Amino acid sequence: VQVHSRISLLSWVTEKMQQALRTLDIQYQDLPQIYRCVQHLSAIETTLQQCELWHMTKLDVLSGQFRNAALRLERLAPQGAETIITPPELPRREMNQPKKSEESPQPVFA
């Protein structure tokens, strides 16, 4: 009974988050938060897939919406911007290393 209740609650929260995400005006500055959401949803996905409950929560649809939002924002990156938003999936040691000037940033989800 507890598992069913939790899955129902996750499904309801997912629907509400999908509705809210559709109404938001997401800007390039929001990209770090989008990356964080994708990272957290991936962690939840891993746990729920072990229990074979991932698709029952409809979190896969929400995760797709966040990934699409990230793709859209990556394409809107300001031309010649000196600050590059780094996705949180990269290990910390890579994020702290200085970048070579000839390297160009690669989109995360492309």
PDB file of N, CA and C in Angstrom:
ATOM      1  N   VAL A   1       0.830  -1.189   0.000  1.00  0.00           N
ATOM      2  CA  VAL A   1       0.000   0.000   0.000  1.00  0.00           C
ATOM      3  C   VAL A   1       0.876   1.255   0.000  1.00  0.00           C
ATOM      4  N   GLN A   2       1.988   1.242   0.776  1.00  0.00           N
ATOM      5  CA  GLN A   2       2.854   2.413   0.834  1.00  0.00           C
ATOM      6  C   GLN A   2       3.498   2.714  -0.517  1.00  0.00           C
ATOM      7  N   VAL A   3       3.944   1.676  -1.211  1.00  0.00           N
ATOM      8  CA  VAL A   3       4.587   1.882  -2.504  1.00  0.00           C
ATOM      9  C   VAL A   3       3.595   2.490  -3.485  1.00  0.00           C
ATOM     10  N   HIS A   4       2.373   1.955  -3.523  1.00  0.00           N
ATOM     11  CA  HIS A   4       1.354   2.484  -4.419  1.00  0.00           C
ATOM     12  C   HIS A   4       1.053   3.947  -4.099  1.00  0.00           C
ATOM     13  N   SER A   5       0.953   4.280  -2.838  1.00  0.00           N
ATOM     14  CA  SER A   5       0.680   5.658  -2.429  1.00  0.00           C
ATOM     15  C   SER A   5       1.815   6.588  -2.837  1.00  0.00           C
ATOM     16  N   ARG A   6       3.028   6.136  -2.668  1.00  0.00           N
ATOM     17  CA  ARG A   6       4.184   6.961  -3.033  1.00  0.00           C
ATOM     18  C   ARG A   6       4.259   7.175  -4.540  1.00  0.00           C
ATOM     19  N   ILE A   7       3.971   6.127  -5.296  1.00  0.00           N
ATOM     20  CA  ILE A   7       3.979   6.245  -6.754  1.00  0.00           C
ATOM     21  C   ILE A   7       2.868   7.185  -7.206  1.00  0.00           C
ATOM     22  N   SER A   8       1.701   7.084  -6.595  1.00  0.00           N
ATOM     23  CA  SER A   8       0.594   7.989  -6.923  1.00  0.00           C
ATOM     24  C   SER A   8       0.971   9.432  -6.623  1.00  0.00           C
ATOM     25  N   LEU A   9       1.616   9.644  -5.501  1.00  0.00           N
ATOM     26  CA  LEU A   9       2.039  10.992  -5.121  1.00  0.00           C
ATOM     27  C   LEU A   9       3.093  11.525  -6.093  1.00  0.00           C
ATOM     28  N   LEU A  10       4.069  10.701  -6.444  1.00  0.00           N
ATOM     29  CA  LEU A  10       5.086  11.114  -7.416  1.00  0.00           C
ATOM     30  C   LEU A  10       4.464  11.434  -8.771  1.00  0.00           C
ATOM     31  N   SER A  11       3.500  10.636  -9.175  1.00  0.00           N
ATOM     32  CA  SER A  11       2.817  10.865 -10.443  1.00  0.00           C
ATOM     33  C   SER A  11       2.069  12.197 -10.429  1.00  0.00           C
ATOM     34  N   TRP A  12       1.395  12.484  -9.316  1.00  0.00           N
ATOM     35  CA  TRP A  12       0.659  13.744  -9.184  1.00  0.00           C
ATOM     36  C   TRP A  12       1.615  14.934  -9.202  1.00  0.00           C
ATOM     37  N   VAL A  13       2.711  14.837  -8.458  1.00  0.00           N
ATOM     38  CA  VAL A  13       3.702  15.915  -8.419  1.00  0.00           C
ATOM     39  C   VAL A  13       4.306  16.122  -9.808  1.00  0.00           C
ATOM     40  N   THR A  14       4.560  15.039 -10.506  1.00  0.00           N
ATOM     41  CA  THR A  14       5.113  15.120 -11.854  1.00  0.00           C
ATOM     42  C   THR A  14       4.176  15.874 -12.786  1.00  0.00           C
ATOM     43  N   GLU A  15       2.892  15.557 -12.732  1.00  0.00           N
ATOM     44  CA  GLU A  15       1.912  16.259 -13.570  1.00  0.00           C
ATOM     45  C   GLU A  15       1.905  17.749 -13.279  1.00  0.00           C
ATOM     46  N   LYS A  16       1.932  18.112 -12.002  1.00  0.00           N
ATOM     47  CA  LYS A  16       1.922  19.528 -11.615  1.00  0.00           C
ATOM     48  C   LYS A  16       3.197  20.226 -12.079  1.00  0.00           C
ATOM     49  N   MET A  17       4.327  19.534 -11.991  1.00  0.00           N
ATOM     50  CA  MET A  17       5.590  20.117 -12.440  1.00  0.00           C
ATOM     51  C   MET A  17       5.599  20.298 -13.957  1.00  0.00           C
ATOM     52  N   GLN A  18       5.014  19.344 -14.685  1.00  0.00           N
ATOM     53  CA  GLN A  18       4.928  19.475 -16.140  1.00  0.00           C
ATOM     54  C   GLN A  18       4.092  20.692 -16.510  1.00  0.00           C
ATOM     55  N   GLN A  19       2.957  20.858 -15.839  1.00  0.00           N
ATOM     56  CA  GLN A  19       2.099  22.009 -16.105  1.00  0.00           C
ATOM     57  C   GLN A  19       2.828  23.312 -15.806  1.00  0.00           C
ATOM     58  N   ALA A  20       3.534  23.358 -14.689  1.00  0.00           N
ATOM     59  CA  ALA A  20       4.262  24.569 -14.312  1.00  0.00           C
ATOM     60  C   ALA A  20       5.395  24.855 -15.293  1.00  0.00           C
ATOM     61  N   LEU A  21       6.096  23.825 -15.718  1.00  0.00           N
ATOM     62  CA  LEU A  21       7.215  24.004 -16.640  1.00  0.00           C
ATOM     63  C   LEU A  21       6.741  24.573 -17.973  1.00  0.00           C
ATOM     64  N   ARG A  22       5.560  24.161 -18.408  1.00  0.00           N
ATOM     65  CA  ARG A  22       5.017  24.675 -19.676  1.00  0.00           C
ATOM     66  C   ARG A  22       4.706  26.166 -19.604  1.00  0.00           C
ATOM     67  N   THR A  23       4.412  26.681 -18.424  1.00  0.00           N
ATOM     68  CA  THR A  23       4.023  28.086 -18.295  1.00  0.00           C
ATOM     69  C   THR A  23       5.204  29.012 -18.034  1.00  0.00           C
ATOM     70  N   LEU A  24       6.367  28.457 -17.717  1.00  0.00           N
ATOM     71  CA  LEU A  24       7.524  29.281 -17.373  1.00  0.00           C
ATOM     72  C   LEU A  24       8.190  29.863 -18.611  1.00  0.00           C
ATOM     73  N   ASP A  25       8.686  31.080 -18.464  1.00  0.00           N
ATOM     74  CA  ASP A  25       9.484  31.716 -19.500  1.00  0.00           C
ATOM     75  C   ASP A  25      10.948  31.499 -19.118  1.00  0.00           C
ATOM     76  N   ILE A  26      11.532  30.436 -19.632  1.00  0.00           N
ATOM     77  CA  ILE A  26      12.876  30.035 -19.237  1.00  0.00           C
ATOM     78  C   ILE A  26      13.898  30.780 -20.093  1.00  0.00           C
ATOM     79  N   GLN A  27      14.888  31.366 -19.430  1.00  0.00           N
ATOM     80  CA  GLN A  27      15.934  32.143 -20.088  1.00  0.00           C
ATOM     81  C   GLN A  27      17.274  31.419 -19.989  1.00  0.00           C
ATOM     82  N   TYR A  28      18.261  31.900 -20.742  1.00  0.00           N
ATOM     83  CA  TYR A  28      19.594  31.296 -20.735  1.00  0.00           C
ATOM     84  C   TYR A  28      20.192  31.271 -19.328  1.00  0.00           C
ATOM     85  N   GLN A  29      19.897  32.278 -18.525  1.00  0.00           N
ATOM     86  CA  GLN A  29      20.419  32.355 -17.161  1.00  0.00           C
ATOM     87  C   GLN A  29      19.885  31.220 -16.286  1.00  0.00           C
ATOM     88  N   ASP A  30      18.804  30.584 -16.703  1.00  0.00           N
ATOM     89  CA  ASP A  30      18.204  29.487 -15.944  1.00  0.00           C
ATOM     90  C   ASP A  30      18.865  28.140 -16.228  1.00  0.00           C
ATOM     91  N   LEU A  31      19.795  28.113 -17.158  1.00  0.00           N
ATOM     92  CA  LEU A  31      20.411  26.850 -17.567  1.00  0.00           C
ATOM     93  C   LEU A  31      21.048  26.069 -16.412  1.00  0.00           C
ATOM     94  N   PRO A  32      21.739  26.713 -15.467  1.00  0.00           N
ATOM     95  CA  PRO A  32      22.288  25.925 -14.344  1.00  0.00           C
ATOM     96  C   PRO A  32      21.203  25.203 -13.537  1.00  0.00           C
ATOM     97  N   GLN A  33      20.060  25.854 -13.333  1.00  0.00           N
ATOM     98  CA  GLN A  33      18.969  25.210 -12.598  1.00  0.00           C
ATOM     99  C   GLN A  33      18.367  24.070 -13.405  1.00  0.00           C
ATOM    100  N   ILE A  34      18.285  24.236 -14.715  1.00  0.00           N
ATOM    101  CA  ILE A  34      17.777  23.167 -15.578  1.00  0.00           C
ATOM    102  C   ILE A  34      18.715  21.963 -15.502  1.00  0.00           C
ATOM    103  N   TYR A  35      20.025  22.225 -15.579  1.00  0.00           N
ATOM    104  CA  TYR A  35      21.000  21.138 -15.451  1.00  0.00           C
ATOM    105  C   TYR A  35      20.852  20.431 -14.107  1.00  0.00           C
ATOM    106  N   ARG A  36      20.641  21.201 -13.054  1.00  0.00           N
ATOM    107  CA  ARG A  36      20.484  20.609 -11.727  1.00  0.00           C
ATOM    108  C   ARG A  36      19.243  19.723 -11.674  1.00  0.00           C
ATOM    109  N   CYS A  37      18.154  20.180 -12.268  1.00  0.00           N
ATOM    110  CA  CYS A  37      16.928  19.371 -12.307  1.00  0.00           C
ATOM    111  C   CYS A  37      17.158  18.069 -13.064  1.00  0.00           C
ATOM    112  N   VAL A  38      17.836  18.157 -14.198  1.00  0.00           N
ATOM    113  CA  VAL A  38      18.131  16.956 -14.982  1.00  0.00           C
ATOM    114  C   VAL A  38      18.987  15.995 -14.166  1.00  0.00           C
ATOM    115  N   GLN A  39      19.957  16.537 -13.447  1.00  0.00           N
ATOM    116  CA  GLN A  39      20.833  15.700 -12.625  1.00  0.00           C
ATOM    117  C   GLN A  39      20.035  14.992 -11.527  1.00  0.00           C
ATOM    118  N   HIS A  40      19.155  15.724 -10.843  1.00  0.00           N
ATOM    119  CA  HIS A  40      18.354  15.115  -9.779  1.00  0.00           C
ATOM    120  C   HIS A  40      17.367  14.091 -10.340  1.00  0.00           C
ATOM    121  N   LEU A  41      16.757  14.398 -11.466  1.00  0.00           N
ATOM    122  CA  LEU A  41      15.839  13.440 -12.080  1.00  0.00           C
ATOM    123  C   LEU A  41      16.573  12.172 -12.515  1.00  0.00           C
ATOM    124  N   SER A  42      17.809  12.309 -12.957  1.00  0.00           N
ATOM    125  CA  SER A  42      18.596  11.125 -13.322  1.00  0.00           C
ATOM    126  C   SER A  42      18.865  10.247 -12.107  1.00  0.00           C
ATOM    127  N   ALA A  43      19.135  10.880 -10.972  1.00  0.00           N
ATOM    128  CA  ALA A  43      19.360  10.111  -9.741  1.00  0.00           C
ATOM    129  C   ALA A  43      18.083   9.388  -9.316  1.00  0.00           C
ATOM    130  N   ILE A  44      16.956  10.078  -9.421  1.00  0.00           N
ATOM    131  CA  ILE A  44      15.669   9.459  -9.084  1.00  0.00           C
ATOM    132  C   ILE A  44      15.378   8.321 -10.059  1.00  0.00           C
ATOM    133  N   GLU A  45      15.675   8.557 -11.339  1.00  0.00           N
ATOM    134  CA  GLU A  45      15.450   7.532 -12.361  1.00  0.00           C
ATOM    135  C   GLU A  45      16.225   6.261 -12.041  1.00  0.00           C
ATOM    136  N   THR A  46      17.476   6.405 -11.660  1.00  0.00           N
ATOM    137  CA  THR A  46      18.306   5.240 -11.334  1.00  0.00           C
ATOM    138  C   THR A  46      17.676   4.418 -10.223  1.00  0.00           C
ATOM    139  N   THR A  47      17.231   5.090  -9.185  1.00  0.00           N
ATOM    140  CA  THR A  47      16.619   4.397  -8.049  1.00  0.00           C
ATOM    141  C   THR A  47      15.316   3.718  -8.449  1.00  0.00           C
ATOM    142  N   LEU A  48      14.462   4.446  -9.165  1.00  0.00           N
ATOM    143  CA  LEU A  48      13.164   3.887  -9.540  1.00  0.00           C
ATOM    144  C   LEU A  48      13.289   2.772 -10.576  1.00  0.00           C
ATOM    145  N   GLN A  49      14.300   2.838 -11.438  1.00  0.00           N
ATOM    146  CA  GLN A  49      14.484   1.763 -12.414  1.00  0.00           C
ATOM    147  C   GLN A  49      14.890   0.466 -11.733  1.00  0.00           C
ATOM    148  N   GLN A  50      15.613   0.570 -10.640  1.00  0.00           N
ATOM    149  CA  GLN A  50      15.976  -0.633  -9.893  1.00  0.00           C
ATOM    150  C   GLN A  50      14.725  -1.323  -9.352  1.00  0.00           C
ATOM    151  N   CYS A  51      13.720  -0.530  -9.034  1.00  0.00           N
ATOM    152  CA  CYS A  51      12.454  -1.078  -8.517  1.00  0.00           C
ATOM    153  C   CYS A  51      11.437  -1.292  -9.634  1.00  0.00           C
ATOM    154  N   GLU A  52      11.836  -0.995 -10.879  1.00  0.00           N
ATOM    155  CA  GLU A  52      10.956  -1.099 -12.047  1.00  0.00           C
ATOM    156  C   GLU A  52       9.701  -0.242 -11.898  1.00  0.00           C
ATOM    157  N   LEU A  53       9.879   0.957 -11.356  1.00  0.00           N
ATOM    158  CA  LEU A  53       8.748   1.859 -11.127  1.00  0.00           C
ATOM    159  C   LEU A  53       8.878   3.172 -11.891  1.00  0.00           C
ATOM    160  N   TRP A  54       9.930   3.342 -12.670  1.00  0.00           N
ATOM    161  CA  TRP A  54      10.216   4.624 -13.312  1.00  0.00           C
ATOM    162  C   TRP A  54       9.064   5.118 -14.185  1.00  0.00           C
ATOM    163  N   HIS A  55       8.550   4.291 -15.087  1.00  0.00           N
ATOM    164  CA  HIS A  55       7.519   4.747 -16.021  1.00  0.00           C
ATOM    165  C   HIS A  55       6.170   4.955 -15.346  1.00  0.00           C
ATOM    166  N   MET A  56       5.947   4.324 -14.221  1.00  0.00           N
ATOM    167  CA  MET A  56       4.678   4.495 -13.511  1.00  0.00           C
ATOM    168  C   MET A  56       4.542   5.901 -12.935  1.00  0.00           C
ATOM    169  N   THR A  57       5.652   6.587 -12.725  1.00  0.00           N
ATOM    170  CA  THR A  57       5.616   7.918 -12.119  1.00  0.00           C
ATOM    171  C   THR A  57       5.477   9.028 -13.151  1.00  0.00           C
ATOM    172  N   LYS A  58       5.646   8.716 -14.416  1.00  0.00           N
ATOM    173  CA  LYS A  58       5.630   9.687 -15.508  1.00  0.00           C
ATOM    174  C   LYS A  58       6.788  10.681 -15.414  1.00  0.00           C
ATOM    175  N   LEU A  59       7.796  10.352 -14.613  1.00  0.00           N
ATOM    176  CA  LEU A  59       8.958  11.223 -14.502  1.00  0.00           C
ATOM    177  C   LEU A  59       9.788  11.228 -15.782  1.00  0.00           C
ATOM    178  N   ASP A  60       9.642  10.192 -16.613  1.00  0.00           N
ATOM    179  CA  ASP A  60      10.379  10.151 -17.872  1.00  0.00           C
ATOM    180  C   ASP A  60       9.951  11.292 -18.791  1.00  0.00           C
ATOM    181  N   VAL A  61       8.665  11.623 -18.776  1.00  0.00           N
ATOM    182  CA  VAL A  61       8.160  12.728 -19.593  1.00  0.00           C
ATOM    183  C   VAL A  61       8.712  14.054 -19.070  1.00  0.00           C
ATOM    184  N   LEU A  62       8.689  14.221 -17.758  1.00  0.00           N
ATOM    185  CA  LEU A  62       9.215  15.442 -17.143  1.00  0.00           C
ATOM    186  C   LEU A  62      10.709  15.586 -17.423  1.00  0.00           C
ATOM    187  N   SER A  63      11.435  14.500 -17.318  1.00  0.00           N
ATOM    188  CA  SER A  63      12.867  14.515 -17.604  1.00  0.00           C
ATOM    189  C   SER A  63      13.114  14.938 -19.054  1.00  0.00           C
ATOM    190  N   GLY A  64      12.299  14.435 -19.956  1.00  0.00           N
ATOM    191  CA  GLY A  64      12.404  14.827 -21.361  1.00  0.00           C
ATOM    192  C   GLY A  64      12.138  16.304 -21.567  1.00  0.00           C
ATOM    193  N   GLN A  65      11.163  16.849 -20.843  1.00  0.00           N
ATOM    194  CA  GLN A  65      10.871  18.280 -20.942  1.00  0.00           C
ATOM    195  C   GLN A  65      12.067  19.113 -20.484  1.00  0.00           C
ATOM    196  N   PHE A  66      12.699  18.705 -19.395  1.00  0.00           N
ATOM    197  CA  PHE A  66      13.869  19.437 -18.909  1.00  0.00           C
ATOM    198  C   PHE A  66      15.033  19.319 -19.890  1.00  0.00           C
ATOM    199  N   ARG A  67      15.222  18.143 -20.467  1.00  0.00           N
ATOM    200  CA  ARG A  67      16.309  17.973 -21.439  1.00  0.00           C
ATOM    201  C   ARG A  67      16.058  18.838 -22.676  1.00  0.00           C
ATOM    202  N   ASN A  68      14.810  18.876 -23.137  1.00  0.00           N
ATOM    203  CA  ASN A  68      14.478  19.718 -24.285  1.00  0.00           C
ATOM    204  C   ASN A  68      14.688  21.191 -23.964  1.00  0.00           C
ATOM    205  N   ALA A  69      14.336  21.593 -22.753  1.00  0.00           N
ATOM    206  CA  ALA A  69      14.557  22.980 -22.333  1.00  0.00           C
ATOM    207  C   ALA A  69      16.053  23.292 -22.331  1.00  0.00           C
ATOM    208  N   ALA A  70      16.869  22.353 -21.848  1.00  0.00           N
ATOM    209  CA  ALA A  70      18.321  22.555 -21.829  1.00  0.00           C
ATOM    210  C   ALA A  70      18.863  22.678 -23.252  1.00  0.00           C
ATOM    211  N   LEU A  71      18.394  21.823 -24.145  1.00  0.00           N
ATOM    212  CA  LEU A  71      18.830  21.905 -25.544  1.00  0.00           C
ATOM    213  C   LEU A  71      18.483  23.258 -26.149  1.00  0.00           C
ATOM    214  N   ARG A  72      17.259  23.699 -25.905  1.00  0.00           N
ATOM    215  CA  ARG A  72      16.819  24.983 -26.438  1.00  0.00           C
ATOM    216  C   ARG A  72      17.678  26.123 -25.892  1.00  0.00           C
ATOM    217  N   LEU A  73      17.959  26.093 -24.599  1.00  0.00           N
ATOM    218  CA  LEU A  73      18.761  27.148 -23.986  1.00  0.00           C
ATOM    219  C   LEU A  73      20.212  27.104 -24.457  1.00  0.00           C
ATOM    220  N   GLU A  74      20.744  25.914 -24.677  1.00  0.00           N
ATOM    221  CA  GLU A  74      22.114  25.804 -25.181  1.00  0.00           C
ATOM    222  C   GLU A  74      22.237  26.443 -26.556  1.00  0.00           C
ATOM    223  N   ARG A  75      21.190  26.320 -27.371  1.00  0.00           N
ATOM    224  CA  ARG A  75      21.206  26.949 -28.696  1.00  0.00           C
ATOM    225  C   ARG A  75      21.090  28.463 -28.595  1.00  0.00           C
ATOM    226  N   LEU A  76      20.540  28.964 -27.484  1.00  0.00           N
ATOM    227  CA  LEU A  76      20.375  30.401 -27.294  1.00  0.00           C
ATOM    228  C   LEU A  76      21.577  31.048 -26.620  1.00  0.00           C
ATOM    229  N   ALA A  77      22.658  30.311 -26.442  1.00  0.00           N
ATOM    230  CA  ALA A  77      23.843  30.849 -25.763  1.00  0.00           C
ATOM    231  C   ALA A  77      24.285  32.132 -26.449  1.00  0.00           C
ATOM    232  N   PRO A  78      24.556  33.166 -25.669  1.00  0.00           N
ATOM    233  CA  PRO A  78      24.995  34.434 -26.260  1.00  0.00           C
ATOM    234  C   PRO A  78      26.290  34.246 -27.048  1.00  0.00           C
ATOM    235  N   GLN A  79      26.349  34.821 -28.224  1.00  0.00           N
ATOM    236  CA  GLN A  79      27.533  34.692 -29.069  1.00  0.00           C
ATOM    237  C   GLN A  79      28.695  35.446 -28.430  1.00  0.00           C
ATOM    238  N   GLY A  80      29.841  34.799 -28.361  1.00  0.00           N
ATOM    239  CA  GLY A  80      31.031  35.429 -27.815  1.00  0.00           C
ATOM    240  C   GLY A  80      31.006  35.612 -26.316  1.00  0.00           C
ATOM    241  N   ALA A  81      30.100  34.938 -25.635  1.00  0.00           N
ATOM    242  CA  ALA A  81      30.023  35.078 -24.183  1.00  0.00           C
ATOM    243  C   ALA A  81      31.275  34.484 -23.551  1.00  0.00           C
ATOM    244  N   GLU A  82      31.844  35.216 -22.595  1.00  0.00           N
ATOM    245  CA  GLU A  82      33.051  34.727 -21.928  1.00  0.00           C
ATOM    246  C   GLU A  82      32.713  33.705 -20.857  1.00  0.00           C
ATOM    247  N   THR A  83      31.571  33.858 -20.214  1.00  0.00           N
ATOM    248  CA  THR A  83      31.191  32.907 -19.176  1.00  0.00           C
ATOM    249  C   THR A  83      30.426  31.766 -19.813  1.00  0.00           C
ATOM    250  N   ILE A  84      30.878  30.588 -19.544  1.00  0.00           N
ATOM    251  CA  ILE A  84      30.249  29.391 -20.092  1.00  0.00           C
ATOM    252  C   ILE A  84      29.602  28.647 -18.945  1.00  0.00           C
ATOM    253  N   ILE A  85      28.333  28.344 -19.085  1.00  0.00           N
ATOM    254  CA  ILE A  85      27.627  27.600 -18.047  1.00  0.00           C
ATOM    255  C   ILE A  85      27.991  26.136 -18.204  1.00  0.00           C
ATOM    256  N   THR A  86      28.563  25.576 -17.168  1.00  0.00           N
ATOM    257  CA  THR A  86      29.023  24.191 -17.202  1.00  0.00           C
ATOM    258  C   THR A  86      27.992  23.286 -16.559  1.00  0.00           C
ATOM    259  N   PRO A  87      27.603  22.224 -17.232  1.00  0.00           N
ATOM    260  CA  PRO A  87      26.625  21.308 -16.649  1.00  0.00           C
ATOM    261  C   PRO A  87      27.189  20.619 -15.413  1.00  0.00           C
ATOM    262  N   PRO A  88      26.361  20.363 -14.415  1.00  0.00           N
ATOM    263  CA  PRO A  88      26.848  19.759 -13.177  1.00  0.00           C
ATOM    264  C   PRO A  88      27.242  18.296 -13.316  1.00  0.00           C
ATOM    265  N   GLU A  89      26.928  17.643 -14.433  1.00  0.00           N
ATOM    266  CA  GLU A  89      27.283  16.234 -14.593  1.00  0.00           C
ATOM    267  C   GLU A  89      28.787  16.033 -14.718  1.00  0.00           C
ATOM    268  N   LEU A  90      29.510  17.080 -15.116  1.00  0.00           N
ATOM    269  CA  LEU A  90      30.952  16.944 -15.251  1.00  0.00           C
ATOM    270  C   LEU A  90      31.590  16.806 -13.877  1.00  0.00           C
ATOM    271  N   PRO A  91      32.578  15.958 -13.758  1.00  0.00           N
ATOM    272  CA  PRO A  91      33.264  15.829 -12.467  1.00  0.00           C
ATOM    273  C   PRO A  91      33.899  17.148 -12.062  1.00  0.00           C
ATOM    274  N   ARG A  92      33.971  17.400 -10.774  1.00  0.00           N
ATOM    275  CA  ARG A  92      34.496  18.657 -10.247  1.00  0.00           C
ATOM    276  C   ARG A  92      35.912  18.953 -10.739  1.00  0.00           C
ATOM    277  N   ARG A  93      36.767  17.950 -10.814  1.00  0.00           N
ATOM    278  CA  ARG A  93      38.143  18.202 -11.221  1.00  0.00           C
ATOM    279  C   ARG A  93      38.204  18.734 -12.649  1.00  0.00           C
ATOM    280  N   GLU A  94      37.290  18.325 -13.515  1.00  0.00           N
ATOM    281  CA  GLU A  94      37.268  18.846 -14.881  1.00  0.00           C
ATOM    282  C   GLU A  94      36.751  20.270 -14.908  1.00  0.00           C
ATOM    283  N   MET A  95      35.807  20.578 -14.043  1.00  0.00           N
ATOM    284  CA  MET A  95      35.243  21.921 -14.026  1.00  0.00           C
ATOM    285  C   MET A  95      36.264  22.931 -13.510  1.00  0.00           C
ATOM    286  N   ASN A  96      37.168  22.532 -12.628  1.00  0.00           N
ATOM    287  CA  ASN A  96      38.116  23.454 -12.033  1.00  0.00           C
ATOM    288  C   ASN A  96      39.382  23.636 -12.859  1.00  0.00           C
ATOM    289  N   GLN A  97      39.602  22.790 -13.841  1.00  0.00           N
ATOM    290  CA  GLN A  97      40.788  22.917 -14.673  1.00  0.00           C
ATOM    291  C   GLN A  97      40.595  24.062 -15.657  1.00  0.00           C
ATOM    292  N   PRO A  98      41.640  24.860 -15.885  1.00  0.00           N
ATOM    293  CA  PRO A  98      41.509  25.953 -16.860  1.00  0.00           C
ATOM    294  C   PRO A  98      41.301  25.392 -18.260  1.00  0.00           C
ATOM    295  N   LYS A  99      40.468  26.078 -19.037  1.00  0.00           N
ATOM    296  CA  LYS A  99      40.184  25.631 -20.394  1.00  0.00           C
ATOM    297  C   LYS A  99      41.188  26.244 -21.354  1.00  0.00           C
ATOM    298  N   LYS A 100      41.517  25.502 -22.393  1.00  0.00           N
ATOM    299  CA  LYS A 100      42.380  26.026 -23.436  1.00  0.00           C
ATOM    300  C   LYS A 100      41.569  27.008 -24.263  1.00  0.00           C
ATOM    301  N   SER A 101      42.214  28.055 -24.731  1.00  0.00           N
ATOM    302  CA  SER A 101      41.489  29.091 -25.464  1.00  0.00           C
ATOM    303  C   SER A 101      40.957  28.588 -26.801  1.00  0.00           C
ATOM    304  N   GLU A 102      41.607  27.591 -27.392  1.00  0.00           N
ATOM    305  CA  GLU A 102      41.144  27.112 -28.693  1.00  0.00           C
ATOM    306  C   GLU A 102      39.976  26.129 -28.602  1.00  0.00           C
ATOM    307  N   GLU A 103      39.642  25.665 -27.397  1.00  0.00           N
ATOM    308  CA  GLU A 103      38.521  24.737 -27.247  1.00  0.00           C
ATOM    309  C   GLU A 103      37.210  25.502 -27.311  1.00  0.00           C
ATOM    310  N   SER A 104      36.223  24.907 -27.952  1.00  0.00           N
ATOM    311  CA  SER A 104      34.895  25.512 -27.958  1.00  0.00           C
ATOM    312  C   SER A 104      33.972  24.644 -27.116  1.00  0.00           C
ATOM    313  N   PRO A 105      33.034  25.256 -26.397  1.00  0.00           N
ATOM    314  CA  PRO A 105      32.141  24.472 -25.539  1.00  0.00           C
ATOM    315  C   PRO A 105      31.222  23.590 -26.369  1.00  0.00           C
ATOM    316  N   GLN A 106      30.977  22.402 -25.875  1.00  0.00           N
ATOM    317  CA  GLN A 106      30.087  21.465 -26.546  1.00  0.00           C
ATOM    318  C   GLN A 106      28.785  21.366 -25.768  1.00  0.00           C
ATOM    319  N   PRO A 107      27.637  21.391 -26.445  1.00  0.00           N
ATOM    320  CA  PRO A 107      26.365  21.216 -25.742  1.00  0.00           C
ATOM    321  C   PRO A 107      26.315  19.853 -25.061  1.00  0.00           C
ATOM    322  N   VAL A 108      25.656  19.810 -23.929  1.00  0.00           N
ATOM    323  CA  VAL A 108      25.585  18.587 -23.138  1.00  0.00           C
ATOM    324  C   VAL A 108      24.696  17.545 -23.780  1.00  0.00           C
ATOM    325  N   PHE A 109      23.552  17.951 -24.291  1.00  0.00           N
ATOM    326  CA  PHE A 109      22.554  16.998 -24.754  1.00  0.00           C
ATOM    327  C   PHE A 109      22.483  16.912 -26.263  1.00  0.00           C
ATOM    328  N   ALA A 110      23.444  17.441 -26.973  1.00  0.00           N
ATOM    329  CA  ALA A 110      23.384  17.427 -28.434  1.00  0.00           C
ATOM    330  C   ALA A 110      23.724  16.070 -28.977  1.00  0.00           C
TER     331      ALA A 110
END
